[in-house]
Amino acid sequence: MRFLKIVLVVLVMAANLVFAPASLAGSDKPKYTSNPDYLEVNQTLNTLLEAKKSTE
């Protein structure tokens, strides 16, 4: 009986993966390159990398 329960749980989980859409795989996700926080961090990192190169 325990084996049957395990098989049933595995089948339900497999069916969930087959029929439910993945939440992070959608094509409507926002682009990170248009996020102002991303742009600011990227600009700051580039400035720091240039400063590091100039001191070497």
N, C-alpha and C. Protein backbone atom coordinates (compact mmCIF):
# COMPACT_ATOMS: atom_id res chain seq x y z
N MET A 1 0.81 -1.19 0.00
CA MET A 1 0.00 0.00 0.00
C MET A 1 0.86 1.26 0.00
N ARG A 2 1.96 1.24 0.74
CA ARG A 2 2.86 2.39 0.78
C ARG A 2 3.48 2.64 -0.58
N PHE A 3 3.84 1.57 -1.28
CA PHE A 3 4.41 1.70 -2.62
C PHE A 3 3.41 2.35 -3.57
N LEU A 4 2.15 1.99 -3.45
CA LEU A 4 1.10 2.56 -4.30
C LEU A 4 0.96 4.06 -4.04
N LYS A 5 1.07 4.49 -2.79
CA LYS A 5 0.99 5.91 -2.46
C LYS A 5 2.17 6.67 -3.07
N ILE A 6 3.33 6.08 -2.99
CA ILE A 6 4.52 6.72 -3.55
C ILE A 6 4.39 6.87 -5.06
N VAL A 7 3.92 5.82 -5.72
CA VAL A 7 3.73 5.86 -7.17
C VAL A 7 2.69 6.91 -7.53
N LEU A 8 1.62 6.99 -6.76
CA LEU A 8 0.57 7.97 -7.01
C LEU A 8 1.10 9.40 -6.87
N VAL A 9 1.89 9.65 -5.85
CA VAL A 9 2.47 10.99 -5.65
C VAL A 9 3.41 11.34 -6.79
N VAL A 10 4.22 10.39 -7.23
CA VAL A 10 5.13 10.63 -8.34
C VAL A 10 4.36 10.92 -9.62
N LEU A 11 3.30 10.19 -9.86
CA LEU A 11 2.49 10.42 -11.06
C LEU A 11 1.82 11.79 -11.02
N VAL A 12 1.31 12.19 -9.87
CA VAL A 12 0.68 13.50 -9.76
C VAL A 12 1.71 14.61 -9.99
N MET A 13 2.90 14.46 -9.44
CA MET A 13 3.95 15.46 -9.65
C MET A 13 4.38 15.52 -11.11
N ALA A 14 4.49 14.38 -11.75
CA ALA A 14 4.86 14.35 -13.18
C ALA A 14 3.77 15.00 -14.02
N ALA A 15 2.51 14.73 -13.70
CA ALA A 15 1.41 15.36 -14.43
C ALA A 15 1.42 16.87 -14.23
N ASN A 16 1.76 17.32 -13.04
CA ASN A 16 1.85 18.74 -12.78
C ASN A 16 2.92 19.39 -13.64
N LEU A 17 4.05 18.76 -13.79
CA LEU A 17 5.12 19.30 -14.63
C LEU A 17 4.72 19.32 -16.10
N VAL A 18 3.91 18.36 -16.52
CA VAL A 18 3.51 18.29 -17.92
C VAL A 18 2.45 19.33 -18.24
N PHE A 19 1.45 19.49 -17.39
CA PHE A 19 0.31 20.33 -17.71
C PHE A 19 0.42 21.77 -17.22
N ALA A 20 1.14 22.02 -16.16
CA ALA A 20 1.24 23.38 -15.62
C ALA A 20 2.37 24.12 -16.33
N PRO A 21 2.13 25.35 -16.76
CA PRO A 21 3.20 26.11 -17.41
C PRO A 21 4.24 26.56 -16.39
N ALA A 22 5.47 26.63 -16.82
CA ALA A 22 6.54 27.10 -15.94
C ALA A 22 6.38 28.60 -15.71
N SER A 23 6.51 29.03 -14.49
CA SER A 23 6.25 30.42 -14.17
C SER A 23 7.38 31.35 -14.61
N LEU A 24 8.60 30.86 -14.70
CA LEU A 24 9.71 31.71 -15.07
C LEU A 24 10.10 31.59 -16.55
N ALA A 25 9.43 30.77 -17.29
CA ALA A 25 9.82 30.54 -18.67
C ALA A 25 8.97 31.33 -19.66
N GLY A 26 8.17 32.23 -19.18
CA GLY A 26 7.28 32.98 -20.06
C GLY A 26 8.04 33.96 -20.94
N SER A 27 7.49 34.25 -22.09
CA SER A 27 8.13 35.20 -22.99
C SER A 27 7.75 36.63 -22.65
N ASP A 28 6.83 36.83 -21.73
CA ASP A 28 6.40 38.16 -21.37
C ASP A 28 7.14 38.73 -20.17
N LYS A 29 8.26 38.12 -19.82
CA LYS A 29 9.01 38.63 -18.68
C LYS A 29 9.68 39.95 -19.06
N PRO A 30 9.85 40.84 -18.11
CA PRO A 30 10.44 42.15 -18.41
C PRO A 30 11.91 42.03 -18.75
N LYS A 31 12.36 42.89 -19.60
CA LYS A 31 13.78 42.89 -19.97
C LYS A 31 14.57 43.59 -18.87
N TYR A 32 15.62 42.96 -18.43
CA TYR A 32 16.42 43.53 -17.35
C TYR A 32 17.25 44.70 -17.83
N THR A 33 17.52 44.77 -19.12
CA THR A 33 18.36 45.86 -19.63
C THR A 33 17.64 47.20 -19.63
N SER A 34 16.31 47.19 -19.52
CA SER A 34 15.58 48.45 -19.46
C SER A 34 15.27 48.85 -18.02
N ASN A 35 15.71 48.07 -17.06
CA ASN A 35 15.50 48.37 -15.65
C ASN A 35 16.49 49.46 -15.22
N PRO A 36 16.03 50.56 -14.62
CA PRO A 36 16.95 51.62 -14.22
C PRO A 36 17.97 51.18 -13.17
N ASP A 37 17.61 50.25 -12.31
CA ASP A 37 18.57 49.75 -11.32
C ASP A 37 19.70 49.01 -12.01
N TYR A 38 19.37 48.20 -13.01
CA TYR A 38 20.39 47.47 -13.75
C TYR A 38 21.32 48.44 -14.46
N LEU A 39 20.75 49.47 -15.07
CA LEU A 39 21.56 50.44 -15.80
C LEU A 39 22.52 51.17 -14.86
N GLU A 40 22.03 51.52 -13.67
CA GLU A 40 22.89 52.23 -12.71
C GLU A 40 24.02 51.33 -12.21
N VAL A 41 23.70 50.10 -11.88
CA VAL A 41 24.73 49.18 -11.40
C VAL A 41 25.75 48.90 -12.49
N ASN A 42 25.28 48.72 -13.72
CA ASN A 42 26.19 48.45 -14.82
C ASN A 42 27.12 49.63 -15.06
N GLN A 43 26.59 50.85 -15.00
CA GLN A 43 27.41 52.03 -15.19
C GLN A 43 28.45 52.15 -14.07
N THR A 44 28.04 51.89 -12.84
CA THR A 44 28.97 51.97 -11.71
C THR A 44 30.08 50.93 -11.84
N LEU A 45 29.71 49.72 -12.24
CA LEU A 45 30.73 48.68 -12.43
C LEU A 45 31.71 49.05 -13.53
N ASN A 46 31.21 49.61 -14.61
CA ASN A 46 32.11 50.03 -15.69
C ASN A 46 33.05 51.12 -15.23
N THR A 47 32.56 52.07 -14.42
CA THR A 47 33.40 53.13 -13.90
C THR A 47 34.49 52.55 -12.99
N LEU A 48 34.11 51.61 -12.14
CA LEU A 48 35.10 51.00 -11.25
C LEU A 48 36.13 50.18 -12.01
N LEU A 49 35.70 49.48 -13.05
CA LEU A 49 36.66 48.72 -13.86
C LEU A 49 37.64 49.63 -14.58
N GLU A 50 37.16 50.76 -15.08
CA GLU A 50 38.06 51.73 -15.73
C GLU A 50 39.05 52.31 -14.73
N ALA A 51 38.59 52.59 -13.51
CA ALA A 51 39.48 53.12 -12.48
C ALA A 51 40.53 52.09 -12.10
N LYS A 52 40.14 50.83 -12.06
CA LYS A 52 41.10 49.77 -11.72
C LYS A 52 42.14 49.62 -12.81
N LYS A 53 41.71 49.70 -14.08
CA LYS A 53 42.65 49.58 -15.20
C LYS A 53 43.62 50.75 -15.24
N SER A 54 43.16 51.95 -14.87
CA SER A 54 44.01 53.13 -14.94
C SER A 54 45.07 53.11 -13.85
N THR A 55 44.83 52.41 -12.74
CA THR A 55 45.82 52.36 -11.67
C THR A 55 46.87 51.29 -11.90
N GLU A 56 46.61 50.40 -12.82
CA GLU A 56 47.58 49.30 -13.06
C GLU A 56 48.67 49.72 -14.01
